[in-house]
Amino acid sequence: MSLEFRHIAHAYGEVAALHDIAFTAPTGEITCLLGSSGCGKSTLLNLAAGLLPVQQGSILVDGELMAEAGVNPPPEARPVGLVFQDGALFPHMTIAANIGFGLAPAERGLVGGWLQQVGLTGLGERYPHELSGGQQQRAALARAMAPGPGVLLMDEPFASVDIVLRRRLRRDCRMLLRERGATTVLVTHDPEEALDIGDRIAVMEAGRIVQFGTPEDLHERPVAASVGAIFRGAQVIKGAREGDALRTAFGLWPATSLADDAPDTDELDLLIYAEQVACVPDVKGLSVRDVHSIGSVTRVLLVNDAGEEITAQTTVPVDRDARYVPVPQSGSARAFARI
């Protein structure tokens, strides 16, 4: 089932939280709502779940109206499953009873299969407090999916577990969701998580969707510097057009892709990836502020006399006491209108 938002707007009193949100989470795919705290992503999820009433616009499932202003069925009357950050398991019920909670009596025999699906075989008779945080989240996922909802809504589902477990949970969760063909909308503030688990990502800022697309779309064709900046090694620096190049605090920079709306002014944002910047020793160059080894490559944070920074990447040893000049490589920058 697809989940479609049509021109959704929402406010808390006089404070606008969402502005004309319109996109479709495709059937069988994982769509991530990515943004910082307060951008409206959880509000949007709560509107779909029925935890908040729709004020303006409409929400459809498989093309059929599910909710709009004046039509707001409760969560239990919607074809959706919910998974929250803390799992929200019933503490007085066993894990097996939690998973079977939304099933008809004749379907309770399916609980064992779900325990196996989420790696909790043999733990069905335990209570939530007897499981680790990761195990609780697995149980919460099974409970939400067991009734076979058309759409699964997940709000920061891995935020409460440690980073190593989080990565494994993301991998396992993605595999399970794809195997089940579940249409999923997942809220996260973590770009790495969105890129790791999402088939599509809606990047949100201040109650608006800046860009919606696949991870490849966002990396190769970002519509704003802030979108490209979600990728590891990305950085945004100030620049201005100078002929076919871009003038920056670090010298002239070739621009291989000027955004259509990039004006011919001194107010440009340059999106540069660290792997597109080399560093060359030069006594007149920049100071080294930090050196960070990442496998076979090293990231070098350089700073000029004004305190402006740029990150370069190299495969040769770096002398922290030396000076270096950042050198742009091919395909090294995109320019956007400064917001």
C-alpha atoms as a PDB file:
ATOM      1  CA  MET A   1       0.000   0.000   0.000  1.00  0.00           C
ATOM      2  CA  SER A   2       1.247   3.485  -0.819  1.00  0.00           C
ATOM      3  CA  LEU A   3       0.909   6.348   1.657  1.00  0.00           C
ATOM      4  CA  GLU A   4       0.236   9.752   0.115  1.00  0.00           C
ATOM      5  CA  PHE A   5       0.300  13.185   1.734  1.00  0.00           C
ATOM      6  CA  ARG A   6      -1.547  15.889  -0.168  1.00  0.00           C
ATOM      7  CA  HIS A   7      -0.888  19.518   0.752  1.00  0.00           C
ATOM      8  CA  ILE A   8      -0.656  18.901   4.493  1.00  0.00           C
ATOM      9  CA  ALA A   9      -0.346  21.953   6.746  1.00  0.00           C
ATOM     10  CA  HIS A  10      -0.430  21.932  10.531  1.00  0.00           C
ATOM     11  CA  ALA A  11      -0.051  24.438  13.342  1.00  0.00           C
ATOM     12  CA  TYR A  12       0.164  24.383  17.111  1.00  0.00           C
ATOM     13  CA  GLY A  13      -1.785  27.482  17.999  1.00  0.00           C
ATOM     14  CA  GLU A  14      -0.079  30.354  16.197  1.00  0.00           C
ATOM     15  CA  VAL A  15       3.062  28.322  15.461  1.00  0.00           C
ATOM     16  CA  ALA A  16       3.130  26.719  12.001  1.00  0.00           C
ATOM     17  CA  ALA A  17       4.691  23.247  12.088  1.00  0.00           C
ATOM     18  CA  LEU A  18       4.089  21.995   8.533  1.00  0.00           C
ATOM     19  CA  HIS A  19       3.715  23.862   5.238  1.00  0.00           C
ATOM     20  CA  ASP A  20       2.145  22.260   2.140  1.00  0.00           C
ATOM     21  CA  ILE A  21       3.661  18.784   2.529  1.00  0.00           C
ATOM     22  CA  ALA A  22       3.058  16.671  -0.563  1.00  0.00           C
ATOM     23  CA  PHE A  23       4.734  13.362  -1.466  1.00  0.00           C
ATOM     24  CA  THR A  24       4.001   9.646  -1.753  1.00  0.00           C
ATOM     25  CA  ALA A  25       5.738   6.828   0.120  1.00  0.00           C
ATOM     26  CA  PRO A  26       5.742   4.055  -2.529  1.00  0.00           C
ATOM     27  CA  THR A  27       4.385   0.578  -1.946  1.00  0.00           C
ATOM     28  CA  GLY A  28       6.899  -1.826  -0.421  1.00  0.00           C
ATOM     29  CA  GLU A  29       9.615   0.784   0.083  1.00  0.00           C
ATOM     30  CA  ILE A  30      11.191   2.385   3.147  1.00  0.00           C
ATOM     31  CA  THR A  31      10.785   6.153   3.140  1.00  0.00           C
ATOM     32  CA  CYS A  32      12.750   8.182   5.696  1.00  0.00           C
ATOM     33  CA  LEU A  33      11.727  11.586   7.016  1.00  0.00           C
ATOM     34  CA  LEU A  34      15.077  13.201   7.804  1.00  0.00           C
ATOM     35  CA  GLY A  35      15.606  16.470   9.636  1.00  0.00           C
ATOM     36  CA  SER A  36      16.687  18.151  12.832  1.00  0.00           C
ATOM     37  CA  SER A  37      14.527  18.410  15.944  1.00  0.00           C
ATOM     38  CA  GLY A  38      11.553  20.693  15.419  1.00  0.00           C
ATOM     39  CA  CYS A  39      11.439  20.379  11.617  1.00  0.00           C
ATOM     40  CA  GLY A  40       7.991  18.717  11.710  1.00  0.00           C
ATOM     41  CA  LYS A  41       8.837  15.117  10.865  1.00  0.00           C
ATOM     42  CA  SER A  42       7.228  13.563  13.967  1.00  0.00           C
ATOM     43  CA  THR A  43       4.185  15.808  13.553  1.00  0.00           C
ATOM     44  CA  LEU A  44       3.738  14.444  10.031  1.00  0.00           C
ATOM     45  CA  LEU A  45       4.048  10.864  11.262  1.00  0.00           C
ATOM     46  CA  ASN A  46       1.533  11.496  14.053  1.00  0.00           C
ATOM     47  CA  LEU A  47      -0.964  12.864  11.532  1.00  0.00           C
ATOM     48  CA  ALA A  48      -0.699   9.650   9.529  1.00  0.00           C
ATOM     49  CA  ALA A  49      -1.006   7.553  12.688  1.00  0.00           C
ATOM     50  CA  GLY A  50      -4.139   9.358  13.876  1.00  0.00           C
ATOM     51  CA  LEU A  51      -2.453  10.725  17.003  1.00  0.00           C
ATOM     52  CA  LEU A  52      -3.079  14.261  15.701  1.00  0.00           C
ATOM     53  CA  PRO A  53      -6.080  15.484  13.672  1.00  0.00           C
ATOM     54  CA  VAL A  54      -5.505  16.643  10.110  1.00  0.00           C
ATOM     55  CA  GLN A  55      -6.119  20.388   9.940  1.00  0.00           C
ATOM     56  CA  GLN A  56      -5.472  20.973   6.257  1.00  0.00           C
ATOM     57  CA  GLY A  57      -4.854  18.646   3.327  1.00  0.00           C
ATOM     58  CA  SER A  58      -5.480  14.919   3.110  1.00  0.00           C
ATOM     59  CA  ILE A  59      -3.773  11.557   3.635  1.00  0.00           C
ATOM     60  CA  LEU A  60      -4.498   8.616   1.344  1.00  0.00           C
ATOM     61  CA  VAL A  61      -3.642   4.913   1.447  1.00  0.00           C
ATOM     62  CA  ASP A  62      -3.519   3.222  -1.956  1.00  0.00           C
ATOM     63  CA  GLY A  63      -5.394   6.178  -3.410  1.00  0.00           C
ATOM     64  CA  GLU A  64      -8.246   5.909  -0.912  1.00  0.00           C
ATOM     65  CA  LEU A  65      -8.882   8.724   1.551  1.00  0.00           C
ATOM     66  CA  MET A  66      -7.775   7.863   5.079  1.00  0.00           C
ATOM     67  CA  ALA A  67      -7.900  11.264   6.776  1.00  0.00           C
ATOM     68  CA  GLU A  68      -8.565  14.923   6.096  1.00  0.00           C
ATOM     69  CA  ALA A  69      -9.932  17.927   7.969  1.00  0.00           C
ATOM     70  CA  GLY A  70     -13.078  16.706   9.695  1.00  0.00           C
ATOM     71  CA  VAL A  71     -12.330  13.059   8.886  1.00  0.00           C
ATOM     72  CA  ASN A  72      -9.897  11.690  11.459  1.00  0.00           C
ATOM     73  CA  PRO A  73     -10.422   8.028  12.328  1.00  0.00           C
ATOM     74  CA  PRO A  74      -8.575   6.812  15.467  1.00  0.00           C
ATOM     75  CA  PRO A  75      -5.312   4.875  15.181  1.00  0.00           C
ATOM     76  CA  GLU A  76      -6.991   1.492  15.650  1.00  0.00           C
ATOM     77  CA  ALA A  77      -9.265   2.181  12.671  1.00  0.00           C
ATOM     78  CA  ARG A  78      -6.351   2.870  10.315  1.00  0.00           C
ATOM     79  CA  PRO A  79      -4.356   0.291   8.305  1.00  0.00           C
ATOM     80  CA  VAL A  80      -1.120   1.321  10.018  1.00  0.00           C
ATOM     81  CA  GLY A  81       1.285  -0.143  12.557  1.00  0.00           C
ATOM     82  CA  LEU A  82       3.323   1.997  14.965  1.00  0.00           C
ATOM     83  CA  VAL A  83       6.827   1.606  16.385  1.00  0.00           C
ATOM     84  CA  PHE A  84       8.121   4.300  18.739  1.00  0.00           C
ATOM     85  CA  GLN A  85      11.554   5.155  20.092  1.00  0.00           C
ATOM     86  CA  ASP A  86      11.036   3.312  23.378  1.00  0.00           C
ATOM     87  CA  GLY A  87       9.159   0.375  21.863  1.00  0.00           C
ATOM     88  CA  ALA A  88       6.110   1.078  24.087  1.00  0.00           C
ATOM     89  CA  LEU A  89       5.654  -2.587  24.991  1.00  0.00           C
ATOM     90  CA  PHE A  90       3.085  -3.467  27.641  1.00  0.00           C
ATOM     91  CA  PRO A  91       5.243  -4.073  30.762  1.00  0.00           C
ATOM     92  CA  HIS A  92       2.758  -6.447  32.444  1.00  0.00           C
ATOM     93  CA  MET A  93       2.581  -8.764  29.406  1.00  0.00           C
ATOM     94  CA  THR A  94       5.093 -11.329  28.175  1.00  0.00           C
ATOM     95  CA  ILE A  95       6.861 -10.738  24.867  1.00  0.00           C
ATOM     96  CA  ALA A  96       4.694 -13.393  23.224  1.00  0.00           C
ATOM     97  CA  ALA A  97       1.532 -11.728  24.563  1.00  0.00           C
ATOM     98  CA  ASN A  98       2.761  -8.330  23.344  1.00  0.00           C
ATOM     99  CA  ILE A  99       3.326  -9.669  19.833  1.00  0.00           C
ATOM    100  CA  GLY A 100      -0.034 -11.430  19.809  1.00  0.00           C
ATOM    101  CA  PHE A 101      -1.935  -8.447  21.197  1.00  0.00           C
ATOM    102  CA  GLY A 102      -3.302  -7.272  17.837  1.00  0.00           C
ATOM    103  CA  LEU A 103      -4.040 -10.742  16.502  1.00  0.00           C
ATOM    104  CA  ALA A 104      -7.335 -12.573  16.494  1.00  0.00           C
ATOM    105  CA  PRO A 105      -7.434 -15.663  18.765  1.00  0.00           C
ATOM    106  CA  ALA A 106      -7.193 -17.948  15.744  1.00  0.00           C
ATOM    107  CA  GLU A 107      -3.992 -16.181  14.651  1.00  0.00           C
ATOM    108  CA  ARG A 108      -2.105 -16.449  17.959  1.00  0.00           C
ATOM    109  CA  GLY A 109      -0.266 -19.474  16.623  1.00  0.00           C
ATOM    110  CA  LEU A 110       1.691 -17.084  14.396  1.00  0.00           C
ATOM    111  CA  VAL A 111       3.515 -15.579  17.380  1.00  0.00           C
ATOM    112  CA  GLY A 112       6.221 -18.255  17.364  1.00  0.00           C
ATOM    113  CA  GLY A 113       7.000 -17.471  13.744  1.00  0.00           C
ATOM    114  CA  TRP A 114       7.351 -13.780  14.536  1.00  0.00           C
ATOM    115  CA  LEU A 115       9.661 -14.498  17.460  1.00  0.00           C
ATOM    116  CA  GLN A 116      11.861 -16.415  15.048  1.00  0.00           C
ATOM    117  CA  GLN A 117      11.630 -13.665  12.406  1.00  0.00           C
ATOM    118  CA  VAL A 118      13.025 -11.039  14.780  1.00  0.00           C
ATOM    119  CA  GLY A 119      15.598 -13.269  16.461  1.00  0.00           C
ATOM    120  CA  LEU A 120      13.777 -13.775  19.777  1.00  0.00           C
ATOM    121  CA  THR A 121      13.211 -17.521  19.662  1.00  0.00           C
ATOM    122  CA  GLY A 122      12.921 -18.900  23.199  1.00  0.00           C
ATOM    123  CA  LEU A 123      12.281 -15.484  24.762  1.00  0.00           C
ATOM    124  CA  GLY A 124       8.516 -15.332  24.350  1.00  0.00           C
ATOM    125  CA  GLU A 125       7.756 -15.933  28.036  1.00  0.00           C
ATOM    126  CA  ARG A 126      10.009 -13.155  29.245  1.00  0.00           C
ATOM    127  CA  TYR A 127       8.765  -9.698  30.152  1.00  0.00           C
ATOM    128  CA  PRO A 128      10.019  -6.484  28.507  1.00  0.00           C
ATOM    129  CA  HIS A 129      12.225  -5.508  31.452  1.00  0.00           C
ATOM    130  CA  GLU A 130      14.034  -8.823  31.107  1.00  0.00           C
ATOM    131  CA  LEU A 131      15.210  -8.006  27.574  1.00  0.00           C
ATOM    132  CA  SER A 132      17.903  -5.647  26.305  1.00  0.00           C
ATOM    133  CA  GLY A 133      16.963  -2.429  24.543  1.00  0.00           C
ATOM    134  CA  GLY A 134      17.660  -3.958  21.147  1.00  0.00           C
ATOM    135  CA  GLN A 135      15.568  -7.033  21.919  1.00  0.00           C
ATOM    136  CA  GLN A 136      12.693  -4.835  23.054  1.00  0.00           C
ATOM    137  CA  GLN A 137      12.801  -2.935  19.762  1.00  0.00           C
ATOM    138  CA  ARG A 138      12.720  -6.217  17.853  1.00  0.00           C
ATOM    139  CA  ALA A 139       9.659  -7.261  19.851  1.00  0.00           C
ATOM    140  CA  ALA A 140       8.003  -3.898  19.187  1.00  0.00           C
ATOM    141  CA  LEU A 141       8.654  -4.319  15.466  1.00  0.00           C
ATOM    142  CA  ALA A 142       7.115  -7.806  15.504  1.00  0.00           C
ATOM    143  CA  ARG A 143       4.070  -6.560  17.425  1.00  0.00           C
ATOM    144  CA  ALA A 144       3.514  -3.764  14.905  1.00  0.00           C
ATOM    145  CA  MET A 145       3.926  -6.026  11.865  1.00  0.00           C
ATOM    146  CA  ALA A 146       2.084  -9.125  13.094  1.00  0.00           C
ATOM    147  CA  PRO A 147      -1.445  -7.859  12.267  1.00  0.00           C
ATOM    148  CA  GLY A 148      -0.289  -7.183   8.681  1.00  0.00           C
ATOM    149  CA  PRO A 149      -0.760  -3.396   8.489  1.00  0.00           C
ATOM    150  CA  GLY A 150      -0.677  -1.800   5.062  1.00  0.00           C
ATOM    151  CA  VAL A 151       1.739   0.843   6.310  1.00  0.00           C
ATOM    152  CA  LEU A 152       4.306   0.757   9.116  1.00  0.00           C
ATOM    153  CA  LEU A 153       5.151   4.056  10.854  1.00  0.00           C
ATOM    154  CA  MET A 154       8.382   4.221  12.864  1.00  0.00           C
ATOM    155  CA  ASP A 155       9.450   7.198  15.003  1.00  0.00           C
ATOM    156  CA  GLU A 156      13.188   7.175  15.827  1.00  0.00           C
ATOM    157  CA  PRO A 157      12.985   3.400  16.443  1.00  0.00           C
ATOM    158  CA  PHE A 158      16.713   2.867  17.046  1.00  0.00           C
ATOM    159  CA  ALA A 159      17.624   6.038  18.913  1.00  0.00           C
ATOM    160  CA  SER A 160      17.645   4.439  22.369  1.00  0.00           C
ATOM    161  CA  VAL A 161      20.171   1.693  21.587  1.00  0.00           C
ATOM    162  CA  ASP A 162      23.949   1.940  21.316  1.00  0.00           C
ATOM    163  CA  ILE A 163      25.578   2.692  17.962  1.00  0.00           C
ATOM    164  CA  VAL A 164      26.962  -0.794  17.236  1.00  0.00           C
ATOM    165  CA  LEU A 165      23.632  -2.481  17.974  1.00  0.00           C
ATOM    166  CA  ARG A 166      21.826   0.271  16.081  1.00  0.00           C
ATOM    167  CA  ARG A 167      23.695  -0.557  12.884  1.00  0.00           C
ATOM    168  CA  ARG A 168      22.846  -4.246  13.176  1.00  0.00           C
ATOM    169  CA  LEU A 169      19.222  -3.482  13.986  1.00  0.00           C
ATOM    170  CA  ARG A 170      18.972  -1.219  10.947  1.00  0.00           C
ATOM    171  CA  ARG A 171      20.349  -3.942   8.709  1.00  0.00           C
ATOM    172  CA  ASP A 172      18.073  -6.628  10.138  1.00  0.00           C
ATOM    173  CA  CYS A 173      15.065  -4.332  10.103  1.00  0.00           C
ATOM    174  CA  ARG A 174      15.612  -3.339   6.479  1.00  0.00           C
ATOM    175  CA  MET A 175      15.903  -6.976   5.408  1.00  0.00           C
ATOM    176  CA  LEU A 176      12.741  -7.943   7.290  1.00  0.00           C
ATOM    177  CA  LEU A 177      10.735  -5.005   5.954  1.00  0.00           C
ATOM    178  CA  ARG A 178      11.821  -5.660   2.369  1.00  0.00           C
ATOM    179  CA  GLU A 179      11.097  -9.389   2.665  1.00  0.00           C
ATOM    180  CA  ARG A 180       7.622  -8.614   3.971  1.00  0.00           C
ATOM    181  CA  GLY A 181       7.004  -5.941   1.320  1.00  0.00           C
ATOM    182  CA  ALA A 182       6.016  -3.479   4.025  1.00  0.00           C
ATOM    183  CA  THR A 183       5.453   0.149   3.092  1.00  0.00           C
ATOM    184  CA  THR A 184       7.367   1.976   5.801  1.00  0.00           C
ATOM    185  CA  VAL A 185       7.764   5.611   6.848  1.00  0.00           C
ATOM    186  CA  LEU A 186      10.585   6.087   9.324  1.00  0.00           C
ATOM    187  CA  VAL A 187      11.441   9.298  11.184  1.00  0.00           C
ATOM    188  CA  THR A 188      15.085   9.991  11.978  1.00  0.00           C
ATOM    189  CA  HIS A 189      17.421  12.895  12.670  1.00  0.00           C
ATOM    190  CA  ASP A 190      20.465  10.787  11.729  1.00  0.00           C
ATOM    191  CA  PRO A 191      21.613  11.125   8.073  1.00  0.00           C
ATOM    192  CA  GLU A 192      23.641   7.910   8.324  1.00  0.00           C
ATOM    193  CA  GLU A 193      20.538   6.028   9.413  1.00  0.00           C
ATOM    194  CA  ALA A 194      18.419   7.454   6.603  1.00  0.00           C
ATOM    195  CA  LEU A 195      21.054   6.575   4.011  1.00  0.00           C
ATOM    196  CA  ASP A 196      21.583   3.120   5.524  1.00  0.00           C
ATOM    197  CA  ILE A 197      17.958   2.006   5.632  1.00  0.00           C
ATOM    198  CA  GLY A 198      15.945   4.236   3.299  1.00  0.00           C
ATOM    199  CA  ASP A 199      14.922   3.586  -0.302  1.00  0.00           C
ATOM    200  CA  ARG A 200      13.769   7.199  -0.460  1.00  0.00           C
ATOM    201  CA  ILE A 201      14.446  10.177   1.775  1.00  0.00           C
ATOM    202  CA  ALA A 202      12.403  13.314   2.408  1.00  0.00           C
ATOM    203  CA  VAL A 203      14.783  15.977   3.719  1.00  0.00           C
ATOM    204  CA  MET A 204      12.802  18.353   5.940  1.00  0.00           C
ATOM    205  CA  GLU A 205      13.647  21.847   7.163  1.00  0.00           C
ATOM    206  CA  ALA A 206      11.375  24.204   9.093  1.00  0.00           C
ATOM    207  CA  GLY A 207       8.196  22.297   8.270  1.00  0.00           C
ATOM    208  CA  ARG A 208       8.903  21.934   4.563  1.00  0.00           C
ATOM    209  CA  ILE A 209      10.298  19.197   2.352  1.00  0.00           C
ATOM    210  CA  VAL A 210      13.432  20.535   0.710  1.00  0.00           C
ATOM    211  CA  GLN A 211      13.937  17.468  -1.483  1.00  0.00           C
ATOM    212  CA  PHE A 212      12.407  14.010  -1.851  1.00  0.00           C
ATOM    213  CA  GLY A 213      14.201  11.250  -3.703  1.00  0.00           C
ATOM    214  CA  THR A 214      16.507   8.261  -3.586  1.00  0.00           C
ATOM    215  CA  PRO A 215      19.875   8.516  -1.823  1.00  0.00           C
ATOM    216  CA  GLU A 216      21.469   8.643  -5.282  1.00  0.00           C
ATOM    217  CA  ASP A 217      19.206  11.559  -6.279  1.00  0.00           C
ATOM    218  CA  LEU A 218      20.187  13.505  -3.170  1.00  0.00           C
ATOM    219  CA  HIS A 219      23.898  12.852  -3.664  1.00  0.00           C
ATOM    220  CA  GLU A 220      24.111  13.445  -7.398  1.00  0.00           C
ATOM    221  CA  ARG A 221      21.404  16.077  -7.853  1.00  0.00           C
ATOM    222  CA  PRO A 222      20.889  17.993  -4.577  1.00  0.00           C
ATOM    223  CA  VAL A 223      18.635  21.025  -4.907  1.00  0.00           C
ATOM    224  CA  ALA A 224      20.304  22.835  -1.996  1.00  0.00           C
ATOM    225  CA  ALA A 225      23.663  22.731  -0.268  1.00  0.00           C
ATOM    226  CA  SER A 226      21.957  21.575   2.929  1.00  0.00           C
ATOM    227  CA  VAL A 227      20.721  18.435   1.130  1.00  0.00           C
ATOM    228  CA  GLY A 228      24.161  17.425  -0.109  1.00  0.00           C
ATOM    229  CA  ALA A 229      25.560  18.166   3.338  1.00  0.00           C
ATOM    230  CA  ILE A 230      23.839  15.097   4.801  1.00  0.00           C
ATOM    231  CA  PHE A 231      26.511  12.867   3.232  1.00  0.00           C
ATOM    232  CA  ARG A 232      29.678  11.940   5.066  1.00  0.00           C
ATOM    233  CA  GLY A 233      32.589  14.199   4.162  1.00  0.00           C
ATOM    234  CA  ALA A 234      30.364  16.959   2.768  1.00  0.00           C
ATOM    235  CA  GLN A 235      31.061  20.590   3.658  1.00  0.00           C
ATOM    236  CA  VAL A 236      29.588  23.925   2.709  1.00  0.00           C
ATOM    237  CA  ILE A 237      31.810  26.982   2.224  1.00  0.00           C
ATOM    238  CA  LYS A 238      31.122  30.502   0.994  1.00  0.00           C
ATOM    239  CA  GLY A 239      31.989  31.513  -2.542  1.00  0.00           C
ATOM    240  CA  ALA A 240      31.311  33.882  -5.442  1.00  0.00           C
ATOM    241  CA  ARG A 241      31.407  33.536  -9.195  1.00  0.00           C
ATOM    242  CA  GLU A 242      34.582  34.638 -10.936  1.00  0.00           C
ATOM    243  CA  GLY A 243      34.374  33.804 -14.613  1.00  0.00           C
ATOM    244  CA  ASP A 244      33.960  30.050 -14.917  1.00  0.00           C
ATOM    245  CA  ALA A 245      35.311  29.487 -11.423  1.00  0.00           C
ATOM    246  CA  LEU A 246      34.318  30.244  -7.857  1.00  0.00           C
ATOM    247  CA  ARG A 247      36.263  32.534  -5.569  1.00  0.00           C
ATOM    248  CA  THR A 248      36.562  31.188  -2.002  1.00  0.00           C
ATOM    249  CA  ALA A 249      38.627  31.906   1.099  1.00  0.00           C
ATOM    250  CA  PHE A 250      40.785  28.988  -0.052  1.00  0.00           C
ATOM    251  CA  GLY A 251      41.430  30.256  -3.586  1.00  0.00           C
ATOM    252  CA  LEU A 252      39.710  29.700  -6.919  1.00  0.00           C
ATOM    253  CA  TRP A 253      37.526  26.629  -7.170  1.00  0.00           C
ATOM    254  CA  PRO A 254      36.232  25.011 -10.381  1.00  0.00           C
ATOM    255  CA  ALA A 255      32.466  24.590 -10.425  1.00  0.00           C
ATOM    256  CA  THR A 256      31.351  21.568 -12.411  1.00  0.00           C
ATOM    257  CA  SER A 257      27.662  21.991 -11.647  1.00  0.00           C
ATOM    258  CA  LEU A 258      26.194  25.428 -11.008  1.00  0.00           C
ATOM    259  CA  ALA A 259      22.636  25.128  -9.742  1.00  0.00           C
ATOM    260  CA  ASP A 260      20.046  26.753 -12.008  1.00  0.00           C
ATOM    261  CA  ASP A 261      19.096  29.254  -9.319  1.00  0.00           C
ATOM    262  CA  ALA A 262      22.686  30.156  -8.356  1.00  0.00           C
ATOM    263  CA  PRO A 263      22.796  33.957  -8.821  1.00  0.00           C
ATOM    264  CA  ASP A 264      25.675  35.946 -10.281  1.00  0.00           C
ATOM    265  CA  THR A 265      26.415  37.558  -6.923  1.00  0.00           C
ATOM    266  CA  ASP A 266      28.818  37.204  -3.993  1.00  0.00           C
ATOM    267  CA  GLU A 267      26.287  35.137  -2.081  1.00  0.00           C
ATOM    268  CA  LEU A 268      26.874  31.509  -3.004  1.00  0.00           C
ATOM    269  CA  ASP A 269      27.130  28.297  -1.003  1.00  0.00           C
ATOM    270  CA  LEU A 270      29.589  25.739  -2.328  1.00  0.00           C
ATOM    271  CA  LEU A 271      28.976  22.067  -1.622  1.00  0.00           C
ATOM    272  CA  ILE A 272      32.308  20.239  -1.557  1.00  0.00           C
ATOM    273  CA  TYR A 273      33.081  16.648  -0.572  1.00  0.00           C
ATOM    274  CA  ALA A 274      36.311  15.923   1.286  1.00  0.00           C
ATOM    275  CA  GLU A 275      37.320  13.250  -1.228  1.00  0.00           C
ATOM    276  CA  GLN A 276      37.275  15.974  -3.910  1.00  0.00           C
ATOM    277  CA  VAL A 277      39.937  17.993  -2.090  1.00  0.00           C
ATOM    278  CA  ALA A 278      43.602  17.033  -1.911  1.00  0.00           C
ATOM    279  CA  CYS A 279      46.193  18.729   0.276  1.00  0.00           C
ATOM    280  CA  VAL A 280      49.707  19.688  -0.845  1.00  0.00           C
ATOM    281  CA  PRO A 281      52.538  20.755   1.534  1.00  0.00           C
ATOM    282  CA  ASP A 282      53.347  24.465   1.237  1.00  0.00           C
ATOM    283  CA  VAL A 283      55.011  26.742   3.796  1.00  0.00           C
ATOM    284  CA  LYS A 284      52.502  29.466   2.843  1.00  0.00           C
ATOM    285  CA  GLY A 285      49.550  27.146   3.227  1.00  0.00           C
ATOM    286  CA  LEU A 286      46.986  26.575   5.974  1.00  0.00           C
ATOM    287  CA  SER A 287      47.502  25.228   9.458  1.00  0.00           C
ATOM    288  CA  VAL A 288      46.430  21.701  10.382  1.00  0.00           C
ATOM    289  CA  ARG A 289      43.696  21.690  13.025  1.00  0.00           C
ATOM    290  CA  ASP A 290      42.932  17.983  13.050  1.00  0.00           C
ATOM    291  CA  VAL A 291      43.970  14.715  11.391  1.00  0.00           C
ATOM    292  CA  HIS A 292      41.545  11.788  11.288  1.00  0.00           C
ATOM    293  CA  SER A 293      42.409   8.393   9.819  1.00  0.00           C
ATOM    294  CA  ILE A 294      39.519   6.569   8.121  1.00  0.00           C
ATOM    295  CA  GLY A 295      40.799   3.220   6.946  1.00  0.00           C
ATOM    296  CA  SER A 296      43.137   3.698   3.988  1.00  0.00           C
ATOM    297  CA  VAL A 297      42.591   7.466   3.776  1.00  0.00           C
ATOM    298  CA  THR A 298      43.169  10.385   6.114  1.00  0.00           C
ATOM    299  CA  ARG A 299      40.911  13.409   6.545  1.00  0.00           C
ATOM    300  CA  VAL A 300      42.772  16.656   7.252  1.00  0.00           C
ATOM    301  CA  LEU A 301      40.998  19.681   8.723  1.00  0.00           C
ATOM    302  CA  LEU A 302      42.761  22.852   7.557  1.00  0.00           C
ATOM    303  CA  VAL A 303      42.168  26.354   8.936  1.00  0.00           C
ATOM    304  CA  ASN A 304      43.142  29.779   7.602  1.00  0.00           C
ATOM    305  CA  ASP A 305      44.106  32.884   9.576  1.00  0.00           C
ATOM    306  CA  ALA A 306      40.452  33.993   9.702  1.00  0.00           C
ATOM    307  CA  GLY A 307      39.409  30.738  11.369  1.00  0.00           C
ATOM    308  CA  GLU A 308      37.629  29.349   8.276  1.00  0.00           C
ATOM    309  CA  GLU A 309      37.955  25.607   7.818  1.00  0.00           C
ATOM    310  CA  ILE A 310      38.050  23.116   4.962  1.00  0.00           C
ATOM    311  CA  THR A 311      38.491  19.332   5.038  1.00  0.00           C
ATOM    312  CA  ALA A 312      40.781  17.594   2.556  1.00  0.00           C
ATOM    313  CA  GLN A 313      41.585  13.941   2.041  1.00  0.00           C
ATOM    314  CA  THR A 314      44.912  12.217   1.429  1.00  0.00           C
ATOM    315  CA  THR A 315      46.492   8.773   1.369  1.00  0.00           C
ATOM    316  CA  VAL A 316      49.965   9.920   2.492  1.00  0.00           C
ATOM    317  CA  PRO A 317      51.188  10.696   6.032  1.00  0.00           C
ATOM    318  CA  VAL A 318      50.352  14.175   7.362  1.00  0.00           C
ATOM    319  CA  ASP A 319      52.663  16.326   9.481  1.00  0.00           C
ATOM    320  CA  ARG A 320      50.517  18.133  12.037  1.00  0.00           C
ATOM    321  CA  ASP A 321      53.121  20.904  12.341  1.00  0.00           C
ATOM    322  CA  ALA A 322      53.384  21.518   8.589  1.00  0.00           C
ATOM    323  CA  ARG A 323      51.209  23.732   6.381  1.00  0.00           C
ATOM    324  CA  TYR A 324      49.133  22.605   3.421  1.00  0.00           C
ATOM    325  CA  VAL A 325      47.231  24.049   0.491  1.00  0.00           C
ATOM    326  CA  PRO A 326      43.818  22.516  -0.356  1.00  0.00           C
ATOM    327  CA  VAL A 327      43.725  21.566  -4.036  1.00  0.00           C
ATOM    328  CA  PRO A 328      40.402  20.933  -5.800  1.00  0.00           C
ATOM    329  CA  GLN A 329      40.056  17.719  -7.757  1.00  0.00           C
ATOM    330  CA  SER A 330      37.759  17.047 -10.702  1.00  0.00           C
ATOM    331  CA  GLY A 331      34.053  17.465  -9.983  1.00  0.00           C
ATOM    332  CA  SER A 332      34.927  19.362  -6.853  1.00  0.00           C
ATOM    333  CA  ALA A 333      32.075  21.781  -6.180  1.00  0.00           C
ATOM    334  CA  ARG A 334      28.449  22.647  -6.754  1.00  0.00           C
ATOM    335  CA  ALA A 335      27.215  26.177  -6.151  1.00  0.00           C
ATOM    336  CA  PHE A 336      23.810  27.142  -4.795  1.00  0.00           C
ATOM    337  CA  ALA A 337      22.026  30.331  -3.902  1.00  0.00           C
ATOM    338  CA  ARG A 338      22.764  31.126  -0.280  1.00  0.00           C
ATOM    339  CA  ILE A 339      19.725  30.770   1.929  1.00  0.00           C
END
